[in-house]
Amino acid sequence: FKVKKITVPMAAAQGYDSVYLLIYALFGIQNGNITG
């Protein structure tokens, strides 16, 4: 993002981790049936 400083680092880090938690959960769905 070509920045020297993140305006609110917590927001960036928590957003980043949220995506990975979601994808890890998706990999836990054995039959590939992606429903809510």
ModelCIF file with pLDDT and N, C-alpha, C, O atoms, coordinates in Angstrom:
data_MODEL
#
_entry.id   MODEL 
#
_entity.id                         1 
_entity.type                       polymer 
_entity.pdbx_number_of_molecules   1 
#
_entity_poly.entity_id                      1 
_entity_poly.type                           'polypeptide(L)' 
_entity_poly.nstd_linkage                   no 
_entity_poly.nstd_monomer                   no 
_entity_poly.pdbx_seq_one_letter_code       FKVKKITVPMAAAQGYDSVYLLIYALFGIQNGNITG 
_entity_poly.pdbx_seq_one_letter_code_can   FKVKKITVPMAAAQGYDSVYLLIYALFGIQNGNITG 
_entity_poly.pdbx_strand_id                 A 
#
loop_
_entity_poly_seq.entity_id 
_entity_poly_seq.num 
_entity_poly_seq.mon_id 
_entity_poly_seq.hetero 
1 1  PHE n 
1 2  LYS n 
1 3  VAL n 
1 4  LYS n 
1 5  LYS n 
1 6  ILE n 
1 7  THR n 
1 8  VAL n 
1 9  PRO n 
1 10 MET n 
1 11 ALA n 
1 12 ALA n 
1 13 ALA n 
1 14 GLN n 
1 15 GLY n 
1 16 TYR n 
1 17 ASP n 
1 18 SER n 
1 19 VAL n 
1 20 TYR n 
1 21 LEU n 
1 22 LEU n 
1 23 ILE n 
1 24 TYR n 
1 25 ALA n 
1 26 LEU n 
1 27 PHE n 
1 28 GLY n 
1 29 ILE n 
1 30 GLN n 
1 31 ASN n 
1 32 GLY n 
1 33 ASN n 
1 34 ILE n 
1 35 THR n 
1 36 GLY n 
#
_struct_asym.id          A 
_struct_asym.entity_id   1 
#
loop_
_ma_qa_metric.id 
_ma_qa_metric.mode 
_ma_qa_metric.name 
_ma_qa_metric.software_group_id 
_ma_qa_metric.type 
1 global pLDDT . pLDDT 
2 local  pLDDT . pLDDT 
#
_ma_qa_metric_global.metric_id      1 
_ma_qa_metric_global.metric_value   94.14 
_ma_qa_metric_global.model_id       1 
_ma_qa_metric_global.ordinal_id     1 
#
loop_
_ma_qa_metric_local.label_asym_id 
_ma_qa_metric_local.label_comp_id 
_ma_qa_metric_local.label_seq_id 
_ma_qa_metric_local.metric_id 
_ma_qa_metric_local.metric_value 
_ma_qa_metric_local.model_id 
_ma_qa_metric_local.ordinal_id 
A PHE 1  2 97.00 1 1  
A LYS 2  2 97.00 1 2  
A VAL 3  2 95.00 1 3  
A LYS 4  2 92.00 1 4  
A LYS 5  2 92.00 1 5  
A ILE 6  2 95.00 1 6  
A THR 7  2 94.00 1 7  
A VAL 8  2 96.00 1 8  
A PRO 9  2 96.00 1 9  
A MET 10 2 97.00 1 10 
A ALA 11 2 98.00 1 11 
A ALA 12 2 98.00 1 12 
A ALA 13 2 97.00 1 13 
A GLN 14 2 98.00 1 14 
A GLY 15 2 98.00 1 15 
A TYR 16 2 98.00 1 16 
A ASP 17 2 98.00 1 17 
A SER 18 2 98.00 1 18 
A VAL 19 2 98.00 1 19 
A TYR 20 2 97.00 1 20 
A LEU 21 2 97.00 1 21 
A LEU 22 2 97.00 1 22 
A ILE 23 2 96.00 1 23 
A TYR 24 2 96.00 1 24 
A ALA 25 2 96.00 1 25 
A LEU 26 2 95.00 1 26 
A PHE 27 2 92.00 1 27 
A GLY 28 2 90.00 1 28 
A ILE 29 2 92.00 1 29 
A GLN 30 2 83.00 1 30 
A ASN 31 2 79.00 1 31 
A GLY 32 2 77.00 1 32 
A ASN 33 2 84.00 1 33 
A ILE 34 2 93.00 1 34 
A THR 35 2 96.00 1 35 
A GLY 36 2 97.00 1 36 
#
loop_
_atom_site.group_PDB 
_atom_site.id 
_atom_site.type_symbol 
_atom_site.label_atom_id 
_atom_site.label_alt_id 
_atom_site.label_comp_id 
_atom_site.label_asym_id 
_atom_site.label_entity_id 
_atom_site.label_seq_id 
_atom_site.pdbx_PDB_ins_code 
_atom_site.Cartn_x 
_atom_site.Cartn_y 
_atom_site.Cartn_z 
_atom_site.occupancy 
_atom_site.B_iso_or_equiv 
_atom_site.pdbx_formal_charge 
_atom_site.auth_seq_id 
_atom_site.auth_comp_id 
_atom_site.auth_asym_id 
_atom_site.auth_atom_id 
_atom_site.pdbx_PDB_model_num 
ATOM 1   N N  . PHE A 1 1  ? 0.808   -1.220  0.000  1.00 97.00 ? 1  PHE A N  1 
ATOM 2   C CA . PHE A 1 1  ? 0.000   0.000   0.000  1.00 97.00 ? 1  PHE A CA 1 
ATOM 3   C C  . PHE A 1 1  ? 0.844   1.275   0.000  1.00 97.00 ? 1  PHE A C  1 
ATOM 4   O O  . PHE A 1 1  ? 0.317   2.385   0.065  1.00 97.00 ? 1  PHE A O  1 
ATOM 5   N N  . LYS A 1 2  ? 2.171   1.092   -0.074 1.00 97.00 ? 2  LYS A N  1 
ATOM 6   C CA . LYS A 1 2  ? 3.100   2.223   -0.211 1.00 97.00 ? 2  LYS A CA 1 
ATOM 7   C C  . LYS A 1 2  ? 2.896   3.266   0.894  1.00 97.00 ? 2  LYS A C  1 
ATOM 8   O O  . LYS A 1 2  ? 2.754   4.461   0.631  1.00 97.00 ? 2  LYS A O  1 
ATOM 9   N N  . VAL A 1 3  ? 2.886   2.781   2.121  1.00 95.00 ? 3  VAL A N  1 
ATOM 10  C CA . VAL A 1 3  ? 2.750   3.665   3.279  1.00 95.00 ? 3  VAL A CA 1 
ATOM 11  C C  . VAL A 1 3  ? 3.866   3.361   4.270  1.00 95.00 ? 3  VAL A C  1 
ATOM 12  O O  . VAL A 1 3  ? 4.360   2.236   4.345  1.00 95.00 ? 3  VAL A O  1 
ATOM 13  N N  . LYS A 1 4  ? 4.249   4.366   5.017  1.00 92.00 ? 4  LYS A N  1 
ATOM 14  C CA . LYS A 1 4  ? 5.241   4.167   6.073  1.00 92.00 ? 4  LYS A CA 1 
ATOM 15  C C  . LYS A 1 4  ? 4.568   3.866   7.410  1.00 92.00 ? 4  LYS A C  1 
ATOM 16  O O  . LYS A 1 4  ? 5.187   3.326   8.326  1.00 92.00 ? 4  LYS A O  1 
ATOM 17  N N  . LYS A 1 5  ? 3.270   4.230   7.503  1.00 92.00 ? 5  LYS A N  1 
ATOM 18  C CA . LYS A 1 5  ? 2.576   4.100   8.775  1.00 92.00 ? 5  LYS A CA 1 
ATOM 19  C C  . LYS A 1 5  ? 1.125   3.708   8.516  1.00 92.00 ? 5  LYS A C  1 
ATOM 20  O O  . LYS A 1 5  ? 0.457   4.325   7.685  1.00 92.00 ? 5  LYS A O  1 
ATOM 21  N N  . ILE A 1 6  ? 0.635   2.695   9.215  1.00 95.00 ? 6  ILE A N  1 
ATOM 22  C CA . ILE A 1 6  ? -0.774  2.310   9.121  1.00 95.00 ? 6  ILE A CA 1 
ATOM 23  C C  . ILE A 1 6  ? -1.570  3.244   10.028 1.00 95.00 ? 6  ILE A C  1 
ATOM 24  O O  . ILE A 1 6  ? -1.223  3.420   11.195 1.00 95.00 ? 6  ILE A O  1 
ATOM 25  N N  . THR A 1 7  ? -2.633  3.839   9.499  1.00 94.00 ? 7  THR A N  1 
ATOM 26  C CA . THR A 1 7  ? -3.371  4.822   10.308 1.00 94.00 ? 7  THR A CA 1 
ATOM 27  C C  . THR A 1 7  ? -3.938  4.200   11.580 1.00 94.00 ? 7  THR A C  1 
ATOM 28  O O  . THR A 1 7  ? -3.840  4.788   12.657 1.00 94.00 ? 7  THR A O  1 
ATOM 29  N N  . VAL A 1 8  ? -4.538  2.999   11.458 1.00 96.00 ? 8  VAL A N  1 
ATOM 30  C CA . VAL A 1 8  ? -5.043  2.287   12.641 1.00 96.00 ? 8  VAL A CA 1 
ATOM 31  C C  . VAL A 1 8  ? -4.607  0.817   12.500 1.00 96.00 ? 8  VAL A C  1 
ATOM 32  O O  . VAL A 1 8  ? -5.313  0.018   11.885 1.00 96.00 ? 8  VAL A O  1 
ATOM 33  N N  . PRO A 1 9  ? -3.453  0.466   13.066 1.00 96.00 ? 9  PRO A N  1 
ATOM 34  C CA . PRO A 1 9  ? -2.912  -0.879  12.881 1.00 96.00 ? 9  PRO A CA 1 
ATOM 35  C C  . PRO A 1 9  ? -3.848  -2.001  13.347 1.00 96.00 ? 9  PRO A C  1 
ATOM 36  O O  . PRO A 1 9  ? -3.913  -3.050  12.706 1.00 96.00 ? 9  PRO A O  1 
ATOM 37  N N  . MET A 1 10 ? -4.575  -1.792  14.460 1.00 97.00 ? 10 MET A N  1 
ATOM 38  C CA . MET A 1 10 ? -5.489  -2.827  14.946 1.00 97.00 ? 10 MET A CA 1 
ATOM 39  C C  . MET A 1 10 ? -6.511  -3.214  13.888 1.00 97.00 ? 10 MET A C  1 
ATOM 40  O O  . MET A 1 10 ? -6.803  -4.395  13.701 1.00 97.00 ? 10 MET A O  1 
ATOM 41  N N  . ALA A 1 11 ? -7.057  -2.212  13.193 1.00 98.00 ? 11 ALA A N  1 
ATOM 42  C CA . ALA A 1 11 ? -8.068  -2.476  12.177 1.00 98.00 ? 11 ALA A CA 1 
ATOM 43  C C  . ALA A 1 11 ? -7.500  -3.327  11.051 1.00 98.00 ? 11 ALA A C  1 
ATOM 44  O O  . ALA A 1 11 ? -8.156  -4.249  10.565 1.00 98.00 ? 11 ALA A O  1 
ATOM 45  N N  . ALA A 1 12 ? -6.281  -3.014  10.641 1.00 98.00 ? 12 ALA A N  1 
ATOM 46  C CA . ALA A 1 12 ? -5.643  -3.769  9.561  1.00 98.00 ? 12 ALA A CA 1 
ATOM 47  C C  . ALA A 1 12 ? -5.371  -5.204  9.985  1.00 98.00 ? 12 ALA A C  1 
ATOM 48  O O  . ALA A 1 12 ? -5.671  -6.140  9.244  1.00 98.00 ? 12 ALA A O  1 
ATOM 49  N N  . ALA A 1 13 ? -4.809  -5.378  11.165 1.00 97.00 ? 13 ALA A N  1 
ATOM 50  C CA . ALA A 1 13 ? -4.431  -6.713  11.635 1.00 97.00 ? 13 ALA A CA 1 
ATOM 51  C C  . ALA A 1 13 ? -5.662  -7.584  11.872 1.00 97.00 ? 13 ALA A C  1 
ATOM 52  O O  . ALA A 1 13 ? -5.664  -8.764  11.521 1.00 97.00 ? 13 ALA A O  1 
ATOM 53  N N  . GLN A 1 14 ? -6.702  -7.011  12.462 1.00 98.00 ? 14 GLN A N  1 
ATOM 54  C CA . GLN A 1 14 ? -7.914  -7.791  12.735 1.00 98.00 ? 14 GLN A CA 1 
ATOM 55  C C  . GLN A 1 14 ? -8.667  -8.128  11.445 1.00 98.00 ? 14 GLN A C  1 
ATOM 56  O O  . GLN A 1 14 ? -9.265  -9.198  11.338 1.00 98.00 ? 14 GLN A O  1 
ATOM 57  N N  . GLY A 1 15 ? -8.640  -7.218  10.469 1.00 98.00 ? 15 GLY A N  1 
ATOM 58  C CA . GLY A 1 15 ? -9.230  -7.517  9.171  1.00 98.00 ? 15 GLY A CA 1 
ATOM 59  C C  . GLY A 1 15 ? -8.495  -8.657  8.482  1.00 98.00 ? 15 GLY A C  1 
ATOM 60  O O  . GLY A 1 15 ? -9.114  -9.557  7.915  1.00 98.00 ? 15 GLY A O  1 
ATOM 61  N N  . TYR A 1 16 ? -7.176  -8.609  8.538  1.00 98.00 ? 16 TYR A N  1 
ATOM 62  C CA . TYR A 1 16 ? -6.321  -9.642  7.936  1.00 98.00 ? 16 TYR A CA 1 
ATOM 63  C C  . TYR A 1 16 ? -6.610  -11.005 8.556  1.00 98.00 ? 16 TYR A C  1 
ATOM 64  O O  . TYR A 1 16 ? -6.837  -11.979 7.838  1.00 98.00 ? 16 TYR A O  1 
ATOM 65  N N  . ASP A 1 17 ? -6.604  -11.078 9.875  1.00 98.00 ? 17 ASP A N  1 
ATOM 66  C CA . ASP A 1 17 ? -6.850  -12.350 10.560 1.00 98.00 ? 17 ASP A CA 1 
ATOM 67  C C  . ASP A 1 17 ? -8.257  -12.879 10.285 1.00 98.00 ? 17 ASP A C  1 
ATOM 68  O O  . ASP A 1 17 ? -8.461  -14.091 10.209 1.00 98.00 ? 17 ASP A O  1 
ATOM 69  N N  . SER A 1 18 ? -9.223  -11.981 10.136 1.00 98.00 ? 18 SER A N  1 
ATOM 70  C CA . SER A 1 18 ? -10.608 -12.413 9.898  1.00 98.00 ? 18 SER A CA 1 
ATOM 71  C C  . SER A 1 18 ? -10.733 -13.205 8.607  1.00 98.00 ? 18 SER A C  1 
ATOM 72  O O  . SER A 1 18 ? -11.473 -14.187 8.549  1.00 98.00 ? 18 SER A O  1 
ATOM 73  N N  . VAL A 1 19 ? -10.013 -12.783 7.569  1.00 98.00 ? 19 VAL A N  1 
ATOM 74  C CA . VAL A 1 19 ? -10.063 -13.502 6.290  1.00 98.00 ? 19 VAL A CA 1 
ATOM 75  C C  . VAL A 1 19 ? -9.507  -14.916 6.460  1.00 98.00 ? 19 VAL A C  1 
ATOM 76  O O  . VAL A 1 19 ? -10.088 -15.884 5.971  1.00 98.00 ? 19 VAL A O  1 
ATOM 77  N N  . TYR A 1 20 ? -8.392  -15.021 7.150  1.00 97.00 ? 20 TYR A N  1 
ATOM 78  C CA . TYR A 1 20 ? -7.793  -16.344 7.322  1.00 97.00 ? 20 TYR A CA 1 
ATOM 79  C C  . TYR A 1 20 ? -8.663  -17.259 8.180  1.00 97.00 ? 20 TYR A C  1 
ATOM 80  O O  . TYR A 1 20 ? -8.743  -18.458 7.916  1.00 97.00 ? 20 TYR A O  1 
ATOM 81  N N  . LEU A 1 21 ? -9.312  -16.710 9.198  1.00 97.00 ? 21 LEU A N  1 
ATOM 82  C CA . LEU A 1 21 ? -10.208 -17.540 10.004 1.00 97.00 ? 21 LEU A CA 1 
ATOM 83  C C  . LEU A 1 21 ? -11.366 -18.062 9.157  1.00 97.00 ? 21 LEU A C  1 
ATOM 84  O O  . LEU A 1 21 ? -11.784 -19.212 9.296  1.00 97.00 ? 21 LEU A O  1 
ATOM 85  N N  . LEU A 1 22 ? -11.877 -17.202 8.278  1.00 97.00 ? 22 LEU A N  1 
ATOM 86  C CA . LEU A 1 22 ? -12.957 -17.633 7.392  1.00 97.00 ? 22 LEU A CA 1 
ATOM 87  C C  . LEU A 1 22 ? -12.475 -18.733 6.448  1.00 97.00 ? 22 LEU A C  1 
ATOM 88  O O  . LEU A 1 22 ? -13.160 -19.742 6.282  1.00 97.00 ? 22 LEU A O  1 
ATOM 89  N N  . ILE A 1 23 ? -11.314 -18.555 5.832  1.00 96.00 ? 23 ILE A N  1 
ATOM 90  C CA . ILE A 1 23 ? -10.839 -19.558 4.871  1.00 96.00 ? 23 ILE A CA 1 
ATOM 91  C C  . ILE A 1 23 ? -10.493 -20.862 5.574  1.00 96.00 ? 23 ILE A C  1 
ATOM 92  O O  . ILE A 1 23 ? -10.711 -21.934 5.010  1.00 96.00 ? 23 ILE A O  1 
ATOM 93  N N  . TYR A 1 24 ? -9.955  -20.799 6.796  1.00 96.00 ? 24 TYR A N  1 
ATOM 94  C CA . TYR A 1 24 ? -9.680  -22.018 7.552  1.00 96.00 ? 24 TYR A CA 1 
ATOM 95  C C  . TYR A 1 24 ? -10.978 -22.755 7.853  1.00 96.00 ? 24 TYR A C  1 
ATOM 96  O O  . TYR A 1 24 ? -11.025 -23.984 7.809  1.00 96.00 ? 24 TYR A O  1 
ATOM 97  N N  . ALA A 1 25 ? -12.036 -21.998 8.161  1.00 96.00 ? 25 ALA A N  1 
ATOM 98  C CA . ALA A 1 25 ? -13.345 -22.620 8.405  1.00 96.00 ? 25 ALA A CA 1 
ATOM 99  C C  . ALA A 1 25 ? -13.862 -23.290 7.133  1.00 96.00 ? 25 ALA A C  1 
ATOM 100 O O  . ALA A 1 25 ? -14.389 -24.402 7.179  1.00 96.00 ? 25 ALA A O  1 
ATOM 101 N N  . LEU A 1 26 ? -13.711 -22.612 6.009  1.00 95.00 ? 26 LEU A N  1 
ATOM 102 C CA . LEU A 1 26 ? -14.172 -23.188 4.740  1.00 95.00 ? 26 LEU A CA 1 
ATOM 103 C C  . LEU A 1 26 ? -13.474 -24.520 4.445  1.00 95.00 ? 26 LEU A C  1 
ATOM 104 O O  . LEU A 1 26 ? -14.094 -25.460 3.946  1.00 95.00 ? 26 LEU A O  1 
ATOM 105 N N  . PHE A 1 27 ? -12.187 -24.586 4.758  1.00 92.00 ? 27 PHE A N  1 
ATOM 106 C CA . PHE A 1 27 ? -11.460 -25.837 4.524  1.00 92.00 ? 27 PHE A CA 1 
ATOM 107 C C  . PHE A 1 27 ? -11.934 -26.946 5.459  1.00 92.00 ? 27 PHE A C  1 
ATOM 108 O O  . PHE A 1 27 ? -11.647 -28.122 5.235  1.00 92.00 ? 27 PHE A O  1 
ATOM 109 N N  . GLY A 1 28 ? -12.658 -26.567 6.502  1.00 90.00 ? 28 GLY A N  1 
ATOM 110 C CA . GLY A 1 28 ? -13.189 -27.569 7.419  1.00 90.00 ? 28 GLY A CA 1 
ATOM 111 C C  . GLY A 1 28 ? -14.519 -28.145 6.986  1.00 90.00 ? 28 GLY A C  1 
ATOM 112 O O  . GLY A 1 28 ? -15.033 -29.060 7.631  1.00 90.00 ? 28 GLY A O  1 
ATOM 113 N N  . ILE A 1 29 ? -15.089 -27.630 5.907  1.00 92.00 ? 29 ILE A N  1 
ATOM 114 C CA . ILE A 1 29 ? -16.365 -28.155 5.397  1.00 92.00 ? 29 ILE A CA 1 
ATOM 115 C C  . ILE A 1 29 ? -16.052 -29.335 4.480  1.00 92.00 ? 29 ILE A C  1 
ATOM 116 O O  . ILE A 1 29 ? -15.579 -29.152 3.358  1.00 92.00 ? 29 ILE A O  1 
ATOM 117 N N  . GLN A 1 30 ? -16.315 -30.529 4.962  1.00 83.00 ? 30 GLN A N  1 
ATOM 118 C CA . GLN A 1 30 ? -15.835 -31.739 4.290  1.00 83.00 ? 30 GLN A CA 1 
ATOM 119 C C  . GLN A 1 30 ? -16.472 -31.991 2.929  1.00 83.00 ? 30 GLN A C  1 
ATOM 120 O O  . GLN A 1 30 ? -15.796 -32.442 2.004  1.00 83.00 ? 30 GLN A O  1 
ATOM 121 N N  . ASN A 1 31 ? -17.757 -31.708 2.796  1.00 79.00 ? 31 ASN A N  1 
ATOM 122 C CA . ASN A 1 31 ? -18.435 -32.064 1.552  1.00 79.00 ? 31 ASN A CA 1 
ATOM 123 C C  . ASN A 1 31 ? -18.425 -30.958 0.504  1.00 79.00 ? 31 ASN A C  1 
ATOM 124 O O  . ASN A 1 31 ? -18.995 -31.124 -0.575 1.00 79.00 ? 31 ASN A O  1 
ATOM 125 N N  . GLY A 1 32 ? -17.780 -29.822 0.811  1.00 77.00 ? 32 GLY A N  1 
ATOM 126 C CA . GLY A 1 32 ? -17.713 -28.726 -0.153 1.00 77.00 ? 32 GLY A CA 1 
ATOM 127 C C  . GLY A 1 32 ? -19.019 -27.997 -0.356 1.00 77.00 ? 32 GLY A C  1 
ATOM 128 O O  . GLY A 1 32 ? -19.140 -27.191 -1.279 1.00 77.00 ? 32 GLY A O  1 
ATOM 129 N N  . ASN A 1 33 ? -20.010 -28.266 0.497  1.00 84.00 ? 33 ASN A N  1 
ATOM 130 C CA . ASN A 1 33 ? -21.325 -27.613 0.384  1.00 84.00 ? 33 ASN A CA 1 
ATOM 131 C C  . ASN A 1 33 ? -21.273 -26.270 1.110  1.00 84.00 ? 33 ASN A C  1 
ATOM 132 O O  . ASN A 1 33 ? -21.513 -26.200 2.315  1.00 84.00 ? 33 ASN A O  1 
ATOM 133 N N  . ILE A 1 34 ? -20.962 -25.214 0.375  1.00 93.00 ? 34 ILE A N  1 
ATOM 134 C CA . ILE A 1 34 ? -20.718 -23.907 0.984  1.00 93.00 ? 34 ILE A CA 1 
ATOM 135 C C  . ILE A 1 34 ? -22.045 -23.167 1.161  1.00 93.00 ? 34 ILE A C  1 
ATOM 136 O O  . ILE A 1 34 ? -22.479 -22.421 0.283  1.00 93.00 ? 34 ILE A O  1 
ATOM 137 N N  . THR A 1 35 ? -22.673 -23.387 2.304  1.00 96.00 ? 35 THR A N  1 
ATOM 138 C CA . THR A 1 35 ? -23.889 -22.667 2.658  1.00 96.00 ? 35 THR A CA 1 
ATOM 139 C C  . THR A 1 35 ? -23.645 -21.880 3.935  1.00 96.00 ? 35 THR A C  1 
ATOM 140 O O  . THR A 1 35 ? -22.676 -22.130 4.653  1.00 96.00 ? 35 THR A O  1 
ATOM 141 N N  . GLY A 1 36 ? -24.526 -20.931 4.213  1.00 97.00 ? 36 GLY A N  1 
ATOM 142 C CA . GLY A 1 36 ? -24.390 -20.160 5.438  1.00 97.00 ? 36 GLY A CA 1 
ATOM 143 C C  . GLY A 1 36 ? -24.353 -21.035 6.680  1.00 97.00 ? 36 GLY A C  1 
ATOM 144 O O  . GLY A 1 36 ? -24.241 -20.522 7.793  1.00 97.00 ? 36 GLY A O  1 
#
